[in-house]
Amino acid sequence: MNRLTKTYETADCTTLDDYLSCMMATIEDGLLQSGFVPGKDYQRKDLLDAALPMATKAFNEGKLTFTVGWPSPSA
């Protein structure tokens, strides 16, 4: 099945970027299980709009950190 988000085997959900990515994928899982069609019934922006308030809240509560420049240019 086509997805609009990538899924990862591992993630560090204490970082804002991984947390946001995981939340978007989790929301998409729910939509797919409910019969929604990617690109027709929802877009990536819909997933971001749904996940962003949760990520912002967790970040503001000090539950998340952030990373800068990953992956490094030398990787």
N, C-alpha and C. Protein backbone atom coordinates (compact mmCIF):
# COMPACT_ATOMS: atom_id res chain seq x y z
N MET A 1 0.85 -1.17 0.00
CA MET A 1 0.00 0.00 0.00
C MET A 1 0.89 1.24 0.00
N ASN A 2 0.53 2.21 -0.79
CA ASN A 2 1.28 3.47 -0.83
C ASN A 2 0.99 4.29 0.41
N ARG A 3 2.03 4.89 0.92
CA ARG A 3 1.92 5.78 2.08
C ARG A 3 2.48 7.14 1.68
N LEU A 4 2.08 8.15 2.39
CA LEU A 4 2.65 9.48 2.18
C LEU A 4 3.79 9.75 3.15
N THR A 5 3.89 8.96 4.22
CA THR A 5 4.97 9.12 5.19
C THR A 5 5.89 7.92 5.14
N LYS A 6 7.12 8.14 5.53
CA LYS A 6 8.07 7.04 5.67
C LYS A 6 7.92 6.45 7.06
N THR A 7 8.19 5.17 7.17
CA THR A 7 8.24 4.53 8.47
C THR A 7 9.66 4.05 8.71
N TYR A 8 10.05 4.02 9.96
CA TYR A 8 11.40 3.65 10.33
C TYR A 8 11.35 2.54 11.37
N GLU A 9 12.36 1.67 11.33
CA GLU A 9 12.44 0.60 12.32
C GLU A 9 12.80 1.15 13.69
N THR A 10 13.60 2.19 13.72
CA THR A 10 13.98 2.80 14.99
C THR A 10 13.83 4.31 14.87
N ALA A 11 13.55 4.93 15.99
CA ALA A 11 13.43 6.38 16.04
C ALA A 11 13.72 6.83 17.47
N ASP A 12 14.20 8.04 17.59
CA ASP A 12 14.45 8.62 18.91
C ASP A 12 13.34 9.62 19.17
N CYS A 13 12.27 9.15 19.74
CA CYS A 13 11.09 10.00 19.93
C CYS A 13 11.23 10.96 21.10
N THR A 14 12.49 11.19 21.54
CA THR A 14 12.74 12.27 22.48
C THR A 14 13.20 13.51 21.73
N THR A 15 13.35 13.39 20.41
CA THR A 15 13.73 14.54 19.59
C THR A 15 12.51 15.00 18.80
N LEU A 16 12.43 16.29 18.61
CA LEU A 16 11.28 16.89 17.94
C LEU A 16 11.07 16.32 16.54
N ASP A 17 12.15 16.19 15.76
CA ASP A 17 11.99 15.73 14.39
C ASP A 17 11.50 14.29 14.32
N ASP A 18 12.07 13.39 15.11
CA ASP A 18 11.60 12.00 15.10
C ASP A 18 10.19 11.89 15.67
N TYR A 19 9.91 12.63 16.71
CA TYR A 19 8.58 12.60 17.32
C TYR A 19 7.53 13.03 16.30
N LEU A 20 7.79 14.12 15.60
CA LEU A 20 6.85 14.61 14.61
C LEU A 20 6.67 13.59 13.48
N SER A 21 7.76 13.02 13.02
CA SER A 21 7.69 12.00 11.97
C SER A 21 6.89 10.78 12.42
N CYS A 22 7.14 10.34 13.65
CA CYS A 22 6.41 9.18 14.19
C CYS A 22 4.92 9.47 14.36
N MET A 23 4.60 10.68 14.81
CA MET A 23 3.19 11.05 14.98
C MET A 23 2.48 11.10 13.64
N MET A 24 3.14 11.64 12.62
CA MET A 24 2.53 11.70 11.29
C MET A 24 2.29 10.29 10.75
N ALA A 25 3.26 9.39 10.95
CA ALA A 25 3.10 8.01 10.48
C ALA A 25 1.99 7.30 11.25
N THR A 26 1.90 7.55 12.55
CA THR A 26 0.86 6.92 13.36
C THR A 26 -0.53 7.41 12.94
N ILE A 27 -0.64 8.70 12.68
CA ILE A 27 -1.91 9.24 12.22
C ILE A 27 -2.27 8.63 10.87
N GLU A 28 -1.28 8.50 10.00
CA GLU A 28 -1.55 7.88 8.70
C GLU A 28 -1.97 6.43 8.86
N ASP A 29 -1.36 5.71 9.79
CA ASP A 29 -1.78 4.33 10.05
C ASP A 29 -3.27 4.25 10.34
N GLY A 30 -3.74 5.16 11.19
CA GLY A 30 -5.15 5.19 11.53
C GLY A 30 -6.04 5.49 10.33
N LEU A 31 -5.61 6.43 9.50
CA LEU A 31 -6.38 6.77 8.31
C LEU A 31 -6.44 5.59 7.34
N LEU A 32 -5.29 4.94 7.14
CA LEU A 32 -5.25 3.78 6.24
C LEU A 32 -6.14 2.65 6.76
N GLN A 33 -6.08 2.39 8.06
CA GLN A 33 -6.91 1.34 8.65
C GLN A 33 -8.39 1.67 8.52
N SER A 34 -8.71 2.95 8.40
CA SER A 34 -10.10 3.38 8.27
C SER A 34 -10.56 3.46 6.81
N GLY A 35 -9.67 3.11 5.89
CA GLY A 35 -10.04 3.07 4.49
C GLY A 35 -9.75 4.32 3.69
N PHE A 36 -9.05 5.28 4.29
CA PHE A 36 -8.71 6.50 3.57
C PHE A 36 -7.68 6.18 2.48
N VAL A 37 -7.73 6.92 1.39
CA VAL A 37 -6.82 6.73 0.27
C VAL A 37 -5.81 7.87 0.25
N PRO A 38 -4.51 7.54 0.36
CA PRO A 38 -3.47 8.58 0.34
C PRO A 38 -3.53 9.39 -0.95
N GLY A 39 -3.38 10.70 -0.82
CA GLY A 39 -3.38 11.57 -1.98
C GLY A 39 -4.77 11.93 -2.47
N LYS A 40 -5.75 11.17 -2.07
CA LYS A 40 -7.14 11.46 -2.45
C LYS A 40 -7.92 11.99 -1.26
N ASP A 41 -7.89 11.24 -0.16
CA ASP A 41 -8.64 11.62 1.03
C ASP A 41 -7.84 12.50 1.98
N TYR A 42 -6.52 12.47 1.86
CA TYR A 42 -5.65 13.30 2.71
C TYR A 42 -4.32 13.51 2.01
N GLN A 43 -3.62 14.56 2.43
CA GLN A 43 -2.31 14.92 1.90
C GLN A 43 -1.30 14.96 3.04
N ARG A 44 -0.02 15.09 2.72
CA ARG A 44 1.02 15.20 3.76
C ARG A 44 0.74 16.37 4.70
N LYS A 45 0.27 17.46 4.14
CA LYS A 45 -0.02 18.65 4.96
C LYS A 45 -1.09 18.34 5.99
N ASP A 46 -2.07 17.51 5.67
CA ASP A 46 -3.10 17.13 6.64
C ASP A 46 -2.47 16.37 7.80
N LEU A 47 -1.51 15.50 7.51
CA LEU A 47 -0.83 14.73 8.56
C LEU A 47 -0.01 15.67 9.43
N LEU A 48 0.69 16.61 8.80
CA LEU A 48 1.48 17.58 9.55
C LEU A 48 0.58 18.44 10.43
N ASP A 49 -0.53 18.90 9.87
CA ASP A 49 -1.46 19.74 10.64
C ASP A 49 -2.03 19.00 11.85
N ALA A 50 -2.23 17.70 11.72
CA ALA A 50 -2.76 16.91 12.83
C ALA A 50 -1.68 16.63 13.88
N ALA A 51 -0.45 16.41 13.44
CA ALA A 51 0.63 16.03 14.36
C ALA A 51 1.30 17.22 15.03
N LEU A 52 1.33 18.35 14.37
CA LEU A 52 2.09 19.50 14.87
C LEU A 52 1.63 20.00 16.24
N PRO A 53 0.33 20.08 16.54
CA PRO A 53 -0.05 20.53 17.88
C PRO A 53 0.46 19.60 18.99
N MET A 54 0.46 18.30 18.74
CA MET A 54 0.95 17.35 19.74
C MET A 54 2.45 17.50 19.94
N ALA A 55 3.19 17.67 18.84
CA ALA A 55 4.64 17.85 18.93
C ALA A 55 4.98 19.17 19.60
N THR A 56 4.27 20.22 19.27
CA THR A 56 4.51 21.53 19.88
C THR A 56 4.26 21.47 21.38
N LYS A 57 3.17 20.82 21.78
CA LYS A 57 2.85 20.69 23.21
C LYS A 57 3.95 19.94 23.94
N ALA A 58 4.38 18.80 23.38
CA ALA A 58 5.43 18.00 24.02
C ALA A 58 6.73 18.80 24.11
N PHE A 59 7.07 19.55 23.06
CA PHE A 59 8.28 20.35 23.07
C PHE A 59 8.19 21.45 24.12
N ASN A 60 7.06 22.13 24.17
CA ASN A 60 6.88 23.21 25.14
C ASN A 60 6.90 22.70 26.58
N GLU A 61 6.52 21.46 26.79
CA GLU A 61 6.54 20.86 28.13
C GLU A 61 7.92 20.32 28.50
N GLY A 62 8.90 20.50 27.60
CA GLY A 62 10.26 20.06 27.88
C GLY A 62 10.47 18.57 27.70
N LYS A 63 9.56 17.90 27.02
CA LYS A 63 9.68 16.45 26.82
C LYS A 63 10.53 16.09 25.61
N LEU A 64 10.82 17.09 24.77
CA LEU A 64 11.56 16.83 23.54
C LEU A 64 12.76 17.76 23.44
N THR A 65 13.78 17.29 22.75
CA THR A 65 14.92 18.12 22.39
C THR A 65 14.88 18.28 20.87
N PHE A 66 15.86 18.94 20.30
CA PHE A 66 15.90 19.04 18.85
C PHE A 66 17.31 18.79 18.36
N THR A 67 17.40 18.43 17.10
CA THR A 67 18.70 18.17 16.49
C THR A 67 18.92 19.22 15.41
N VAL A 68 20.16 19.44 15.09
CA VAL A 68 20.51 20.40 14.05
C VAL A 68 21.45 19.73 13.07
N GLY A 69 21.14 19.81 11.79
CA GLY A 69 22.06 19.36 10.75
C GLY A 69 22.21 17.86 10.62
N TRP A 70 21.18 17.11 10.89
CA TRP A 70 21.26 15.67 10.72
C TRP A 70 20.63 15.29 9.42
N PRO A 71 21.14 14.41 8.61
CA PRO A 71 22.47 13.81 8.80
C PRO A 71 23.57 14.82 8.49
N SER A 72 24.71 14.56 9.06
CA SER A 72 25.81 15.51 8.87
C SER A 72 26.24 15.48 7.41
N PRO A 73 26.76 16.59 6.91
CA PRO A 73 27.19 16.65 5.50
C PRO A 73 28.25 15.61 5.16
N SER A 74 29.04 15.18 6.14
CA SER A 74 30.10 14.20 5.88
C SER A 74 29.57 12.76 5.88
N ALA A 75 28.33 12.55 6.26
CA ALA A 75 27.79 11.19 6.32
C ALA A 75 27.45 10.65 4.95
